[in-house]
């Protein structure tokens, strides 16, 4: 019996210790469960916060893309915005109204937000527009803020019109100008992929030794033999199979050796439409549009005009036919001489008017108007005082009244009709010098580059050259077809556009070897222009100005239809809180 009692006591003691241990372990497990649960709930919240944070960035991007789509639908949409937005200070904007009201322009705690499409009422954005640089450079700055849950994030994007200067080399038709060849316009002025016919349309190809050191695009079929394309090469020709270029010379003979340095090129890209004229730039000298589209008119010159840039930031202009440098109406019915563009006396003098380069503006050279009432009108037989227009024999050097043709120069023909260049009443501009400033020079007729054109500061200075007619590298020859130039080589720092004709060397098949034509910028033309022929003219060295990816010369022409691409974006501190306040 005693043994039984001792055994029970011993057992009861062990069971008490076990109970204590069980309770202790249970307590520890409970603590661990609570900690795990807390950690899990915290992780869920952290994951939720991370998801909202990432979603806010996506919503901000959605805002940029939504604004781009509005610009694509309506290229003038950049006039809309909320002028009360802090980011829009200094911009001339009006809010869209009625059915066009845009909730993304809301500001403040009571302002609206736009919902991200497909987000099921969970993601929103607002944007603010800075359009101060649009009139000059065609660029817009957009600040977009995305909101998801309790998170906001902001990005700032620079939007630039996609246009001609996106390419080092752009051509509409891969043929010579029919004005030069004398071929039928209806037959030849078609893309090869849409039915161009005729063996004498002046087909041109890129040749052995050519190097295209930058992006290029052709609306036509690219032909190339032994050429090196170092940048993206695109074409509007889109065959179902095979390569998107032809390994052929200008005569259609097969060849080889062409290299496209970047994988995937040449590639298809849609047509880039050329404007009919550069007349849009002429509106930039109208003084009656100051309250709307032209807040600072540029300078208008009439008749043959020379412009020589100086490194000091000045330019010397000789333009004897000019009577008004800013006008009213289209066609013009009134106008004034703007002192900043020179006086009548100085513009007619042999020395010309020395003035400041118009800052971020346009210079337009028009032909002499023959309509009574136009402020720059001249009767058919009238001449400015001191100007002699002797015809175009080239024997005296006084042909158009400002020194062209030069002494002993044989004036080239404009076309097969025999009409000579350098007309006394033409809207021709003759340009050279060291550019210190940002300006676009446009001509109703031809642009002649009569000497080197160099930037004083390659990071700050910028020039646009836009001709309705050809943009010529001046290459005067005498009656024996010899050169009248004493130097060799030519350098042009500029964005060049010939709206209806070509960028080419004047008299490309004469005058002997002229050295290297160095172009630092961009070249766009309706037709391919010759710069070398039969060992005469210039060899090419064209280099893209990378600044044109982000900006453009003042008011430079854009294609008929254009889109806006994001060329720079950066995340900034959130511009707005979740409640909408700054």
Protein backbone atom coordinates (compact mmCIF):
# COMPACT_ATOMS: atom_id res chain seq x y z
CA UNK A 1 0.00 0.00 0.00
CA UNK A 2 2.81 2.38 0.90
CA UNK A 3 4.51 1.52 -2.34
CA UNK A 4 1.27 2.41 -4.21
CA UNK A 5 0.91 5.77 -2.44
CA UNK A 6 4.59 6.65 -3.09
CA UNK A 7 4.10 5.77 -6.73
CA UNK A 8 1.08 8.07 -7.10
CA UNK A 9 2.87 10.93 -5.40
CA UNK A 10 5.83 10.57 -7.73
CA UNK A 11 3.53 10.49 -10.72
CA UNK A 12 1.56 13.55 -9.58
CA UNK A 13 4.83 15.50 -9.20
CA UNK A 14 5.88 14.72 -12.76
CA UNK A 15 2.51 15.69 -14.14
CA UNK A 16 2.69 19.10 -12.40
CA UNK A 17 6.01 19.89 -13.99
CA UNK A 18 4.70 18.89 -17.41
CA UNK A 19 1.70 21.15 -16.98
CA UNK A 20 3.93 24.09 -16.21
CA UNK A 21 6.00 23.32 -19.25
CA UNK A 22 2.93 23.03 -21.45
CA UNK A 23 1.61 26.36 -20.24
CA UNK A 24 5.01 27.99 -20.80
CA UNK A 25 5.39 26.60 -24.29
CA UNK A 26 1.82 27.60 -25.10
CA UNK A 27 2.51 31.13 -23.99
CA UNK A 28 5.62 31.34 -26.15
CA UNK A 29 3.72 29.97 -29.11
CA UNK A 30 0.96 32.49 -28.53
CA UNK A 31 3.48 35.31 -28.51
CA UNK A 32 5.02 33.99 -31.71
CA UNK A 33 1.61 33.71 -33.36
CA UNK A 34 0.74 37.27 -32.37
CA UNK A 35 4.13 38.50 -33.64
CA UNK A 36 3.75 36.58 -36.88
CA UNK A 37 0.25 37.93 -37.31
CA UNK A 38 1.44 41.48 -36.66
CA UNK A 39 4.34 41.03 -39.04
CA UNK A 40 2.02 39.58 -41.66
CA UNK A 41 -0.45 42.42 -41.34
CA UNK A 42 2.43 44.91 -41.50
CA UNK A 43 3.73 43.17 -44.61
CA UNK A 44 0.33 43.39 -46.20
CA UNK A 45 0.23 47.12 -45.49
CA UNK A 46 3.77 47.57 -46.81
CA UNK A 47 2.86 45.63 -49.93
CA UNK A 48 -0.24 47.75 -50.30
CA UNK A 49 1.83 50.93 -49.95
CA UNK A 50 4.38 49.65 -52.50
CA UNK A 51 1.59 48.79 -54.89
CA UNK A 52 0.07 52.26 -54.53
CA UNK A 53 3.49 53.89 -54.90
CA UNK A 54 4.20 52.03 -58.15
CA UNK A 55 0.65 52.62 -59.32
CA UNK A 56 0.99 56.38 -58.80
CA UNK A 57 3.95 56.44 -61.16
CA UNK A 58 2.01 54.46 -63.75
CA UNK A 59 -0.86 56.95 -63.40
CA UNK A 60 1.53 59.86 -63.95
CA UNK A 61 2.78 58.17 -67.13
CA UNK A 62 -0.82 57.63 -68.20
CA UNK A 63 -1.32 61.37 -67.93
CA UNK A 64 1.58 62.07 -70.31
CA UNK A 65 0.27 59.54 -72.81
CA UNK A 66 -3.28 60.87 -72.58
CA UNK A 67 -2.07 64.41 -73.28
CA UNK A 68 -0.04 63.17 -76.28
CA UNK A 69 -3.17 61.53 -77.69
CA UNK A 70 -5.02 64.83 -77.42
CA UNK A 71 -2.23 66.58 -79.35
CA UNK A 72 -2.41 63.91 -82.04
CA UNK A 73 -6.13 64.50 -82.43
CA UNK A 74 -5.77 68.28 -82.36
CA UNK A 75 -2.29 69.78 -82.98
CA UNK A 76 -3.53 73.10 -81.61
CA UNK A 77 -4.42 71.56 -78.23
CA UNK A 78 -1.29 73.13 -76.74
CA UNK A 79 -3.27 76.37 -76.39
CA UNK A 80 -5.36 74.80 -73.62
CA UNK A 81 -4.46 74.55 -69.96
CA UNK A 82 -5.13 75.98 -66.52
CA UNK A 83 -3.44 79.40 -66.29
CA UNK A 84 -3.78 79.26 -62.48
CA UNK A 85 -1.53 76.18 -62.22
CA UNK A 86 1.84 77.03 -60.70
CA UNK A 87 3.76 75.11 -63.36
CA UNK A 88 1.97 77.10 -66.10
CA UNK A 89 3.08 80.53 -64.87
CA UNK A 90 4.06 82.70 -67.83
CA UNK A 91 2.23 80.53 -70.39
CA UNK A 92 -0.67 81.87 -72.43
CA UNK A 93 -3.37 79.24 -71.86
CA UNK A 94 -7.15 79.00 -71.75
CA UNK A 95 -9.18 76.20 -70.12
CA UNK A 96 -11.23 74.09 -72.55
CA UNK A 97 -14.94 74.49 -71.90
CA UNK A 98 -18.24 72.72 -72.53
CA UNK A 99 -17.97 69.18 -73.83
CA UNK A 100 -14.21 69.73 -74.27
CA UNK A 101 -13.66 70.26 -70.53
CA UNK A 102 -10.64 68.30 -69.37
CA UNK A 103 -10.67 67.11 -65.72
CA UNK A 104 -6.88 66.65 -65.81
CA UNK A 105 -6.46 70.44 -65.68
CA UNK A 106 -7.93 70.57 -62.15
CA UNK A 107 -5.96 72.08 -59.27
CA UNK A 108 -6.53 72.47 -55.53
CA UNK A 109 -8.52 70.43 -53.06
CA UNK A 110 -11.79 71.03 -54.90
CA UNK A 111 -10.39 70.55 -58.39
CA UNK A 112 -11.02 67.55 -60.59
CA UNK A 113 -8.76 64.60 -61.38
CA UNK A 114 -8.89 62.50 -64.55
CA UNK A 115 -9.37 58.78 -64.07
CA UNK A 116 -6.89 56.40 -65.67
CA UNK A 117 -8.87 54.44 -68.23
CA UNK A 118 -9.57 50.89 -67.07
CA UNK A 119 -8.45 51.49 -63.48
CA UNK A 120 -11.93 50.89 -62.04
CA UNK A 121 -11.97 54.22 -60.21
CA UNK A 122 -8.67 53.57 -58.41
CA UNK A 123 -6.03 55.60 -60.30
CA UNK A 124 -6.05 59.26 -61.29
CA UNK A 125 -3.86 61.97 -62.78
CA UNK A 126 -3.58 65.69 -63.25
CA UNK A 127 -1.23 67.61 -65.52
CA UNK A 128 0.02 71.17 -65.89
CA UNK A 129 1.45 72.65 -69.11
CA UNK A 130 4.37 75.02 -69.61
CA UNK A 131 4.12 76.28 -73.20
CA UNK A 132 6.49 79.25 -73.01
CA UNK A 133 9.00 77.70 -75.42
CA UNK A 134 6.48 76.40 -77.93
CA UNK A 135 6.40 79.49 -80.15
CA UNK A 136 10.17 79.48 -80.51
CA UNK A 137 11.25 75.85 -80.46
CA UNK A 138 8.09 73.77 -80.86
CA UNK A 139 8.63 72.19 -77.45
CA UNK A 140 6.20 71.78 -74.55
CA UNK A 141 6.85 70.84 -70.94
CA UNK A 142 4.23 68.82 -69.09
CA UNK A 143 4.13 68.06 -65.36
CA UNK A 144 1.94 65.06 -64.61
CA UNK A 145 0.98 63.89 -61.11
CA UNK A 146 -0.48 60.41 -60.58
CA UNK A 147 -2.57 59.42 -57.54
CA UNK A 148 -3.33 55.92 -56.24
CA UNK A 149 -4.57 55.31 -52.67
CA UNK A 150 -2.50 57.46 -50.34
CA UNK A 151 0.41 57.94 -52.74
CA UNK A 152 1.20 60.62 -55.34
CA UNK A 153 4.16 60.78 -57.72
CA UNK A 154 5.12 63.40 -60.29
CA UNK A 155 7.08 63.34 -63.54
CA UNK A 156 8.05 66.20 -65.83
CA UNK A 157 8.31 65.44 -69.56
CA UNK A 158 9.56 67.54 -72.47
CA UNK A 159 7.46 67.00 -75.58
CA UNK A 160 8.86 67.91 -78.99
CA UNK A 161 7.19 67.91 -82.37
CA UNK A 162 8.50 65.07 -84.45
CA UNK A 163 9.64 66.58 -87.71
CA UNK A 164 12.28 67.05 -90.37
CA UNK A 165 15.13 67.77 -87.98
CA UNK A 166 14.69 64.41 -86.31
CA UNK A 167 16.82 63.24 -89.23
CA UNK A 168 20.29 64.12 -90.40
CA UNK A 169 19.04 63.45 -93.92
CA UNK A 170 15.42 63.47 -95.09
CA UNK A 171 14.15 63.23 -98.68
CA UNK A 172 10.62 63.14 -100.01
CA UNK A 173 11.48 61.81 -103.51
CA UNK A 174 14.70 59.96 -104.38
CA UNK A 175 15.01 61.74 -107.75
CA UNK A 176 16.54 64.93 -109.01
CA UNK A 177 14.37 68.02 -109.13
CA UNK A 178 12.26 67.93 -112.34
CA UNK A 179 13.03 71.65 -112.66
CA UNK A 180 16.64 70.60 -113.20
CA UNK A 181 16.09 67.51 -115.35
CA UNK A 182 13.17 68.93 -117.35
CA UNK A 183 11.25 65.69 -116.92
CA UNK A 184 7.49 65.39 -116.68
CA UNK A 185 6.20 66.26 -113.25
CA UNK A 186 3.08 64.02 -113.40
CA UNK A 187 5.20 61.04 -114.50
CA UNK A 188 8.20 61.47 -112.22
CA UNK A 189 6.87 63.06 -109.06
CA UNK A 190 5.56 59.84 -107.59
CA UNK A 191 7.14 57.47 -105.13
CA UNK A 192 8.82 54.51 -106.78
CA UNK A 193 6.63 52.22 -104.69
CA UNK A 194 3.45 53.92 -105.95
CA UNK A 195 4.07 53.79 -109.68
CA UNK A 196 6.81 56.18 -110.75
CA UNK A 197 7.57 55.51 -114.41
CA UNK A 198 10.14 56.74 -116.88
CA UNK A 199 13.80 55.86 -117.14
CA UNK A 200 14.95 59.49 -117.10
CA UNK A 201 13.38 60.77 -113.89
CA UNK A 202 16.82 61.31 -112.41
CA UNK A 203 16.88 58.42 -109.95
CA UNK A 204 19.66 58.88 -107.41
CA UNK A 205 21.32 56.42 -105.06
CA UNK A 206 23.69 56.64 -102.13
CA UNK A 207 27.09 55.72 -103.51
CA UNK A 208 30.24 53.91 -102.46
CA UNK A 209 32.07 55.91 -99.82
CA UNK A 210 29.01 57.80 -98.58
CA UNK A 211 28.58 57.66 -94.81
CA UNK A 212 25.31 58.79 -93.22
CA UNK A 213 26.34 59.60 -89.66
CA UNK A 214 22.94 60.00 -88.06
CA UNK A 215 19.24 59.15 -88.42
CA UNK A 216 17.80 59.30 -91.94
CA UNK A 217 14.38 58.83 -93.54
CA UNK A 218 13.07 58.67 -97.09
CA UNK A 219 9.43 58.68 -98.11
CA UNK A 220 10.66 56.90 -101.26
CA UNK A 221 12.65 53.71 -101.89
CA UNK A 222 16.25 53.95 -100.71
CA UNK A 223 18.87 52.88 -103.26
CA UNK A 224 22.40 52.35 -102.00
CA UNK A 225 25.71 50.93 -103.23
CA UNK A 226 28.57 50.52 -100.76
CA UNK A 227 27.13 53.11 -98.38
CA UNK A 228 27.47 53.02 -94.59
CA UNK A 229 24.45 54.02 -92.52
CA UNK A 230 25.59 54.53 -88.93
CA UNK A 231 22.23 55.61 -87.51
CA UNK A 232 18.60 54.51 -87.82
CA UNK A 233 17.50 54.36 -91.48
CA UNK A 234 13.78 54.33 -92.27
CA UNK A 235 11.58 54.40 -95.36
CA UNK A 236 7.88 54.69 -96.17
CA UNK A 237 8.28 51.71 -98.54
CA UNK A 238 6.91 48.65 -96.80
CA UNK A 239 7.24 45.53 -98.95
CA UNK A 240 5.60 42.38 -97.64
CA UNK A 241 8.88 40.44 -97.81
CA UNK A 242 12.55 41.13 -98.29
CA UNK A 243 14.76 44.07 -97.44
CA UNK A 244 13.35 47.57 -97.24
CA UNK A 245 15.94 49.05 -99.59
CA UNK A 246 17.32 48.29 -103.04
CA UNK A 247 20.95 47.40 -103.61
CA UNK A 248 21.00 49.30 -106.89
CA UNK A 249 22.77 52.25 -108.42
CA UNK A 250 20.98 55.15 -110.07
CA UNK A 251 20.67 53.18 -113.30
CA UNK A 252 19.05 50.21 -111.61
CA UNK A 253 22.15 48.00 -111.76
CA UNK A 254 22.63 45.59 -108.86
CA UNK A 255 25.47 46.24 -106.42
CA UNK A 256 26.67 45.28 -102.95
CA UNK A 257 28.64 46.48 -99.96
CA UNK A 258 26.02 48.61 -98.21
CA UNK A 259 26.18 48.45 -94.40
CA UNK A 260 23.49 49.27 -91.85
CA UNK A 261 25.30 49.50 -88.54
CA UNK A 262 22.19 49.16 -86.36
CA UNK A 263 20.29 45.90 -86.19
CA UNK A 264 16.78 45.95 -87.61
CA UNK A 265 17.37 48.67 -90.19
CA UNK A 266 16.33 49.79 -92.69
CA UNK A 267 12.84 49.77 -91.20
CA UNK A 268 9.42 51.00 -92.19
CA UNK A 269 8.17 54.37 -90.92
CA UNK A 270 5.10 56.27 -92.18
CA UNK A 271 5.18 59.13 -94.68
CA UNK A 272 6.40 62.48 -93.37
CA UNK A 273 4.34 65.06 -95.26
CA UNK A 274 6.04 68.12 -96.73
CA UNK A 275 4.24 71.48 -96.43
CA UNK A 276 3.32 73.12 -99.74
CA UNK A 277 5.31 76.30 -98.99
CA UNK A 278 7.18 78.01 -96.18
CA UNK A 279 4.47 80.68 -96.08
CA UNK A 280 3.72 79.82 -92.46
CA UNK A 281 7.00 81.52 -91.57
CA UNK A 282 5.89 84.68 -93.35
CA UNK A 283 3.15 85.15 -90.77
CA UNK A 284 5.90 85.61 -88.19
CA UNK A 285 6.57 89.15 -89.51
CA UNK A 286 2.97 90.34 -89.19
CA UNK A 287 2.46 93.05 -86.58
CA UNK A 288 -1.33 92.58 -86.46
CA UNK A 289 -1.13 89.12 -84.84
CA UNK A 290 0.75 90.15 -81.72
CA UNK A 291 -2.07 89.35 -79.30
CA UNK A 292 -2.55 85.81 -80.60
CA UNK A 293 0.02 83.80 -82.51
CA UNK A 294 2.89 86.25 -83.12
CA UNK A 295 3.72 88.07 -79.89
CA UNK A 296 7.12 89.22 -81.23
CA UNK A 297 7.21 89.77 -85.02
CA UNK A 298 10.51 89.13 -86.77
CA UNK A 299 12.06 90.98 -89.73
CA UNK A 300 10.69 91.05 -93.29
CA UNK A 301 12.98 91.96 -96.17
CA UNK A 302 11.96 92.41 -99.79
CA UNK A 303 13.85 91.48 -102.95
CA UNK A 304 17.43 90.18 -103.17
CA UNK A 305 18.97 90.41 -99.69
CA UNK A 306 22.40 89.64 -98.28
CA UNK A 307 22.92 88.67 -94.63
CA UNK A 308 26.38 88.39 -93.11
CA UNK A 309 26.52 87.16 -89.53
CA UNK A 310 29.25 88.39 -87.17
CA UNK A 311 30.66 86.69 -84.08
CA UNK A 312 29.67 89.75 -82.01
CA UNK A 313 25.97 88.83 -82.23
CA UNK A 314 25.37 91.35 -85.00
CA UNK A 315 24.47 90.86 -88.65
CA UNK A 316 24.82 93.11 -91.64
CA UNK A 317 21.83 93.21 -93.99
CA UNK A 318 21.65 94.77 -97.44
CA UNK A 319 18.13 94.81 -98.91
CA UNK A 320 17.53 97.81 -101.24
CA UNK A 321 13.91 96.95 -102.14
CA UNK A 322 12.67 96.86 -98.55
CA UNK A 323 10.17 99.55 -97.51
CA UNK A 324 8.47 97.87 -94.54
CA UNK A 325 10.00 95.26 -92.24
CA UNK A 326 6.73 94.41 -90.44
CA UNK A 327 3.36 94.23 -92.16
CA UNK A 328 -0.38 94.08 -91.53
CA UNK A 329 -2.63 91.58 -93.26
CA UNK A 330 -2.22 88.77 -95.78
CA UNK A 331 -1.80 90.00 -98.44
CA UNK A 332 -0.23 92.97 -96.74
CA UNK A 333 -2.15 96.24 -96.75
CA UNK A 334 0.05 98.21 -94.36
CA UNK A 335 3.34 98.10 -92.55
CA UNK A 336 6.19 99.91 -90.85
CA UNK A 337 9.95 99.99 -90.68
CA UNK A 338 11.03 98.37 -87.43
CA UNK A 339 14.19 100.07 -86.26
CA UNK A 340 15.62 96.81 -84.97
CA UNK A 341 15.52 95.45 -88.54
CA UNK A 342 17.38 98.42 -90.07
CA UNK A 343 16.45 101.71 -91.73
CA UNK A 344 15.61 102.22 -95.40
CA UNK A 345 18.73 104.31 -95.88
CA UNK A 346 21.04 101.75 -94.32
CA UNK A 347 19.47 98.76 -96.07
CA UNK A 348 19.95 100.48 -99.46
CA UNK A 349 23.51 101.59 -98.77
CA UNK A 350 26.51 99.72 -100.05
CA UNK A 351 27.57 98.94 -96.46
CA UNK A 352 24.12 97.70 -95.41
CA UNK A 353 22.50 97.91 -91.98
CA UNK A 354 24.36 96.38 -89.03
CA UNK A 355 21.87 95.25 -86.41
CA UNK A 356 21.43 92.69 -83.65
CA UNK A 357 20.51 89.16 -84.70
CA UNK A 358 16.75 88.90 -83.93
CA UNK A 359 16.67 86.84 -80.75
CA UNK A 360 14.76 83.56 -81.15
CA UNK A 361 12.94 84.86 -84.17
CA UNK A 362 12.44 84.69 -87.94
CA UNK A 363 13.88 86.60 -90.87
CA UNK A 364 11.79 86.24 -94.04
CA UNK A 365 12.84 87.42 -97.50
CA UNK A 366 10.01 87.87 -100.00
CA UNK A 367 9.87 88.75 -103.68
CA UNK A 368 9.05 92.32 -104.68
CA UNK A 369 5.24 92.71 -104.58
CA UNK A 370 3.56 94.03 -107.72
CA UNK A 371 0.22 94.83 -106.09
CA UNK A 372 -0.61 98.48 -105.45
CA UNK A 373 -1.40 99.00 -101.77
CA UNK A 374 1.23 96.57 -100.51
CA UNK A 375 3.68 98.55 -98.34
CA UNK A 376 6.61 96.97 -100.22
CA UNK A 377 5.11 97.57 -103.69
CA UNK A 378 7.32 98.66 -106.57
CA UNK A 379 6.17 99.42 -110.09
CA UNK A 380 7.51 97.03 -112.72
CA UNK A 381 10.10 99.46 -114.07
CA UNK A 382 10.96 101.25 -110.81
CA UNK A 383 14.31 100.81 -109.06
CA UNK A 384 15.53 101.79 -105.58
CA UNK A 385 17.81 104.80 -105.51
CA UNK A 386 21.38 103.80 -106.21
CA UNK A 387 20.49 100.33 -107.47
CA UNK A 388 21.36 99.21 -110.96
CA UNK A 389 19.77 96.11 -112.41
CA UNK A 390 21.61 95.51 -115.65
CA UNK A 391 20.33 92.15 -116.61
CA UNK A 392 22.09 88.88 -116.06
CA UNK A 393 25.07 88.73 -118.38
CA UNK A 394 27.45 88.47 -115.44
CA UNK A 395 30.01 90.72 -117.10
CA UNK A 396 29.83 93.57 -114.58
CA UNK A 397 28.77 91.89 -111.37
CA UNK A 398 25.80 94.21 -110.81
CA UNK A 399 23.02 91.92 -112.04
CA UNK A 400 20.50 91.88 -109.17
CA UNK A 401 21.68 95.11 -107.60
CA UNK A 402 23.54 93.59 -104.65
CA UNK A 403 26.48 91.94 -106.40
CA UNK A 404 25.14 88.76 -108.00
CA UNK A 405 26.23 87.43 -110.38
CA UNK A 406 29.71 88.31 -109.24
CA UNK A 407 32.30 89.66 -111.64
CA UNK A 408 32.74 87.35 -114.66
CA UNK A 409 30.21 84.85 -113.32
CA UNK A 410 28.08 82.90 -115.76
CA UNK A 411 24.64 82.99 -114.15
CA UNK A 412 23.05 79.55 -114.05
CA UNK A 413 19.60 78.83 -115.39
CA UNK A 414 16.73 78.19 -113.02
CA UNK A 415 15.14 75.70 -115.39
CA UNK A 416 15.05 74.46 -118.98
CA UNK A 417 13.06 77.57 -119.91
CA UNK A 418 16.34 79.47 -119.91
CA UNK A 419 15.32 81.85 -117.13
CA UNK A 420 18.42 82.96 -115.30
CA UNK A 421 19.05 83.00 -111.57
CA UNK A 422 19.60 86.17 -109.53
CA UNK A 423 16.43 87.95 -110.65
CA UNK A 424 16.25 91.61 -109.61
CA UNK A 425 12.87 91.16 -107.93
CA UNK A 426 13.34 87.63 -106.52
CA UNK A 427 12.94 86.74 -102.88
CA UNK A 428 16.51 85.41 -102.70
CA UNK A 429 18.72 85.53 -99.62
CA UNK A 430 22.52 85.23 -99.67
CA UNK A 431 23.90 84.09 -96.29
CA UNK A 432 27.28 83.58 -94.65
CA UNK A 433 29.22 84.33 -91.47
CA UNK A 434 29.68 83.41 -87.81
CA UNK A 435 26.36 82.96 -86.05
CA UNK A 436 26.01 84.20 -82.48
CA UNK A 437 22.34 83.74 -81.61
CA UNK A 438 19.30 81.67 -82.47
CA UNK A 439 17.38 82.57 -85.63
CA UNK A 440 15.67 81.08 -88.69
CA UNK A 441 16.25 82.63 -92.13
CA UNK A 442 13.63 81.83 -94.77
CA UNK A 443 13.31 82.82 -98.42
CA UNK A 444 10.31 82.88 -100.71
CA UNK A 445 12.65 81.80 -103.51
CA UNK A 446 16.27 80.61 -103.08
CA UNK A 447 18.71 80.47 -100.20
CA UNK A 448 22.35 80.81 -101.25
CA UNK A 449 25.12 79.87 -98.81
CA UNK A 450 27.89 82.14 -100.08
CA UNK A 451 30.55 81.31 -97.49
CA UNK A 452 31.12 79.29 -94.34
CA UNK A 453 28.37 79.44 -91.72
CA UNK A 454 29.71 78.58 -88.28
CA UNK A 455 28.35 78.72 -84.75
CA UNK A 456 30.34 80.79 -82.30
CA UNK A 457 29.04 78.55 -79.48
CA UNK A 458 28.07 75.09 -80.68
CA UNK A 459 25.98 74.50 -77.54
CA UNK A 460 24.01 77.73 -77.61
CA UNK A 461 23.80 79.09 -81.18
CA UNK A 462 21.29 77.69 -83.66
CA UNK A 463 20.34 78.54 -87.25
CA UNK A 464 17.56 77.41 -89.55
CA UNK A 465 17.73 77.90 -93.34
CA UNK A 466 14.38 77.38 -95.11
CA UNK A 467 13.85 77.98 -98.83
CA UNK A 468 10.71 77.52 -100.87
CA UNK A 469 13.17 76.99 -103.69
CA UNK A 470 16.53 75.30 -103.53
CA UNK A 471 19.06 75.86 -100.80
CA UNK A 472 22.25 76.30 -102.81
CA UNK A 473 25.88 76.00 -101.82
CA UNK A 474 27.12 78.88 -103.96
CA UNK A 475 29.58 77.68 -106.60
CA UNK A 476 30.05 80.45 -109.19
CA UNK A 477 31.77 79.59 -112.48
CA UNK A 478 33.02 81.64 -115.42
CA UNK A 479 32.25 81.25 -119.10
CA UNK A 480 34.92 78.54 -119.32
CA UNK A 481 33.24 76.60 -116.50
CA UNK A 482 36.12 77.31 -114.15
CA UNK A 483 35.60 78.22 -110.52
CA UNK A 484 35.58 81.80 -109.30
CA UNK A 485 36.17 80.81 -105.68
CA UNK A 486 39.64 81.11 -104.20
CA UNK A 487 39.05 78.73 -101.29
CA UNK A 488 38.10 75.08 -101.01
CA UNK A 489 35.79 73.25 -98.66
CA UNK A 490 32.63 74.61 -97.11
CA UNK A 491 31.11 74.33 -93.63
CA UNK A 492 27.46 74.89 -92.78
CA UNK A 493 26.17 74.74 -89.20
CA UNK A 494 22.38 74.77 -89.63
CA UNK A 495 19.10 72.93 -90.00
CA UNK A 496 18.41 73.09 -93.75
CA UNK A 497 15.04 72.66 -95.45
CA UNK A 498 14.10 73.08 -99.12
CA UNK A 499 10.32 72.84 -99.16
CA UNK A 500 9.73 72.47 -102.90
CA UNK A 501 13.16 71.69 -104.32
CA UNK A 502 16.62 70.51 -103.12
CA UNK A 503 19.68 71.14 -101.04
CA UNK A 504 22.47 71.10 -103.60
CA UNK A 505 25.66 72.60 -104.88
CA UNK A 506 25.18 75.24 -107.55
CA UNK A 507 26.75 74.05 -110.82
CA UNK A 508 27.66 70.65 -109.30
CA UNK A 509 29.24 69.37 -112.50
CA UNK A 510 31.62 72.31 -112.96
CA UNK A 511 34.36 74.23 -111.24
CA UNK A 512 36.63 71.34 -110.36
CA UNK A 513 36.97 69.57 -107.03
CA UNK A 514 35.81 71.91 -104.29
CA UNK A 515 36.93 69.89 -101.27
CA UNK A 516 34.66 68.70 -98.45
CA UNK A 517 31.15 69.95 -97.74
CA UNK A 518 30.80 69.76 -93.95
CA UNK A 519 27.24 70.05 -92.70
CA UNK A 520 26.69 70.04 -88.95
CA UNK A 521 22.94 69.88 -88.45
CA UNK A 522 20.12 68.40 -90.50
CA UNK A 523 19.10 68.38 -94.17
CA UNK A 524 15.54 67.98 -95.49
CA UNK A 525 14.44 68.35 -99.10
CA UNK A 526 11.65 67.48 -101.50
CA UNK A 527 14.06 66.08 -104.12
CA UNK A 528 17.61 64.77 -103.94
CA UNK A 529 20.17 67.41 -104.80
CA UNK A 530 23.59 66.85 -106.35
CA UNK A 531 26.70 68.03 -104.55
CA UNK A 532 29.22 66.30 -106.82
CA UNK A 533 29.32 65.39 -110.47
CA UNK A 534 32.04 64.07 -112.78
CA UNK A 535 34.75 64.85 -110.26
CA UNK A 536 33.50 68.39 -109.68
CA UNK A 537 31.75 69.81 -106.63
CA UNK A 538 32.12 68.62 -103.03
CA UNK A 539 32.50 65.35 -101.23
CA UNK A 540 30.08 64.97 -98.32
CA UNK A 541 30.65 64.97 -94.57
CA UNK A 542 27.26 65.30 -92.91
CA UNK A 543 27.03 65.06 -89.10
CA UNK A 544 23.81 65.25 -87.10
CA UNK A 545 23.43 67.98 -84.49
CA UNK A 546 22.16 65.96 -81.48
CA UNK A 547 20.48 69.03 -79.99
CA UNK A 548 17.77 68.65 -82.64
CA UNK A 549 16.46 65.63 -80.74
CA UNK A 550 15.33 68.04 -78.03
CA UNK A 551 14.87 71.46 -79.62
CA UNK A 552 14.73 73.27 -82.96
CA UNK A 553 15.69 76.58 -84.56
CA UNK A 554 13.08 79.26 -83.84
CA UNK A 555 9.70 78.49 -85.44
CA UNK A 556 11.24 75.90 -87.78
CA UNK A 557 8.68 74.29 -90.10
CA UNK A 558 7.06 71.02 -89.12
CA UNK A 559 5.55 68.33 -91.36
CA UNK A 560 1.96 68.62 -92.55
CA UNK A 561 0.93 66.15 -89.85
CA UNK A 562 3.03 65.74 -86.77
CA UNK A 563 3.07 63.98 -83.45
CA UNK A 564 4.82 64.83 -80.22
CA UNK A 565 7.44 62.54 -78.75
CA UNK A 566 8.82 62.56 -75.20
CA UNK A 567 12.50 63.38 -75.50
CA UNK A 568 13.26 63.92 -71.79
CA UNK A 569 11.47 62.92 -68.62
CA UNK A 570 12.44 63.05 -64.96
CA UNK A 571 10.71 62.22 -61.71
CA UNK A 572 10.47 65.11 -59.26
CA UNK A 573 9.16 65.45 -55.73
CA UNK A 574 5.37 65.04 -55.75
CA UNK A 575 3.83 68.31 -56.92
CA UNK A 576 0.48 67.63 -55.26
CA UNK A 577 -0.78 65.88 -52.16
CA UNK A 578 -3.44 63.21 -52.18
CA UNK A 579 -6.05 65.87 -51.28
CA UNK A 580 -5.11 67.86 -54.39
CA UNK A 581 -3.27 70.73 -52.72
CA UNK A 582 0.24 71.67 -53.81
